[in-house]
Amino acid sequence: MNKLKVVLPKGRIYENVVKLLNSAGLGLNVVERAYRPIVSDKEIEVKIMKTQNIPRLLELGCHDVGFGGFYNPVKTTKSHIMAAQFQ
């Protein structure tokens, strides 16, 4: 079975995204300076990457779900992916 591949942004919104995922029941254990957090669900794989690379990786199908920052990297990179805005 394929794992759900999630990519998280480095930088300012990283902590908020981790809190959001933890509050949703996805336990993330993040080791300092590691780019692959340990996830409580064995069917989910998480990586941490630069925000500006996330839309392109989603577009190429390298990851299934990603989070981006306030500036719109989808428009910036002209990626053809679905974007959602959370407040």
Protein backbone atom coordinates (compact mmCIF):
# COMPACT_ATOMS: atom_id res chain seq x y z
CA MET A 1 0.00 0.00 0.00
CA ASN A 2 1.23 3.51 -0.83
CA LYS A 3 1.83 5.98 1.96
CA LEU A 4 0.28 9.44 2.03
CA LYS A 5 3.19 11.80 1.35
CA VAL A 6 2.96 15.13 3.19
CA VAL A 7 5.41 18.00 2.85
CA LEU A 8 5.73 20.71 5.51
CA PRO A 9 7.29 24.15 5.03
CA LYS A 10 10.48 25.25 6.73
CA GLY A 11 10.33 28.71 8.24
CA ARG A 12 7.76 30.90 9.92
CA ILE A 13 4.62 28.80 9.58
CA TYR A 14 6.25 25.46 10.36
CA GLU A 15 5.36 25.46 14.07
CA ASN A 16 1.74 26.40 13.34
CA VAL A 17 1.39 23.60 10.78
CA VAL A 18 2.85 21.07 13.25
CA LYS A 19 0.38 22.28 15.92
CA LEU A 20 -2.48 21.95 13.43
CA LEU A 21 -1.51 18.39 12.51
CA ASN A 22 -0.97 17.39 16.15
CA SER A 23 -4.39 18.82 17.10
CA ALA A 24 -5.90 16.75 14.26
CA GLY A 25 -4.50 13.60 15.87
CA LEU A 26 -1.41 13.12 13.72
CA GLY A 27 1.41 12.81 16.22
CA LEU A 28 4.61 14.35 14.87
CA ASN A 29 7.88 13.89 16.71
CA VAL A 30 10.31 16.39 15.24
CA VAL A 31 13.98 15.92 15.97
CA GLU A 32 15.92 19.19 15.74
CA ARG A 33 17.56 19.74 12.33
CA ALA A 34 15.95 16.63 10.86
CA TYR A 35 13.95 16.82 7.63
CA ARG A 36 11.87 13.68 8.20
CA PRO A 37 9.72 13.89 11.35
CA ILE A 38 8.58 10.67 12.98
CA VAL A 39 4.83 10.22 12.45
CA SER A 40 2.45 8.24 14.69
CA ASP A 41 0.64 6.83 11.64
CA LYS A 42 2.73 4.33 9.65
CA GLU A 43 0.73 5.09 6.49
CA ILE A 44 1.91 8.72 6.39
CA GLU A 45 5.36 9.97 5.39
CA VAL A 46 6.32 13.58 6.23
CA LYS A 47 9.18 15.71 4.89
CA ILE A 48 10.21 19.29 5.64
CA MET A 49 11.22 21.45 2.68
CA LYS A 50 11.54 25.06 1.55
CA THR A 51 8.12 26.63 1.01
CA GLN A 52 8.89 27.76 -2.54
CA ASN A 53 9.60 24.16 -3.63
CA ILE A 54 6.36 22.67 -2.34
CA PRO A 55 3.96 23.63 -5.20
CA ARG A 56 6.27 22.20 -7.86
CA LEU A 57 6.77 18.94 -5.93
CA LEU A 58 2.99 18.58 -5.60
CA GLU A 59 2.52 19.32 -9.28
CA LEU A 60 5.07 16.65 -10.22
CA GLY A 61 3.29 14.13 -8.01
CA CYS A 62 6.22 13.69 -5.62
CA HIS A 63 3.95 14.47 -2.65
CA ASP A 64 0.21 14.27 -2.05
CA VAL A 65 -0.35 17.12 0.43
CA GLY A 66 1.62 20.30 1.13
CA PHE A 67 1.40 23.52 3.10
CA GLY A 68 2.57 26.94 1.91
CA GLY A 69 3.06 30.40 3.30
CA PHE A 70 1.16 33.67 2.98
CA TYR A 71 2.70 34.67 -0.35
CA ASN A 72 1.16 32.61 -3.10
CA PRO A 73 3.77 30.14 -4.39
CA VAL A 74 1.09 28.55 -6.59
CA LYS A 75 0.73 31.74 -8.61
CA THR A 76 4.45 32.50 -8.39
CA THR A 77 5.42 29.15 -9.93
CA LYS A 78 2.35 28.88 -12.21
CA SER A 79 1.61 25.45 -10.75
CA HIS A 80 -1.67 23.82 -11.69
CA ILE A 81 -2.67 22.48 -8.30
CA MET A 82 -5.52 23.11 -5.91
CA ALA A 83 -4.81 25.70 -3.23
CA ALA A 84 -6.78 26.30 -0.05
CA GLN A 85 -6.47 29.26 2.29
CA PHE A 86 -6.89 28.84 6.04
CA GLN A 87 -7.32 31.60 8.56
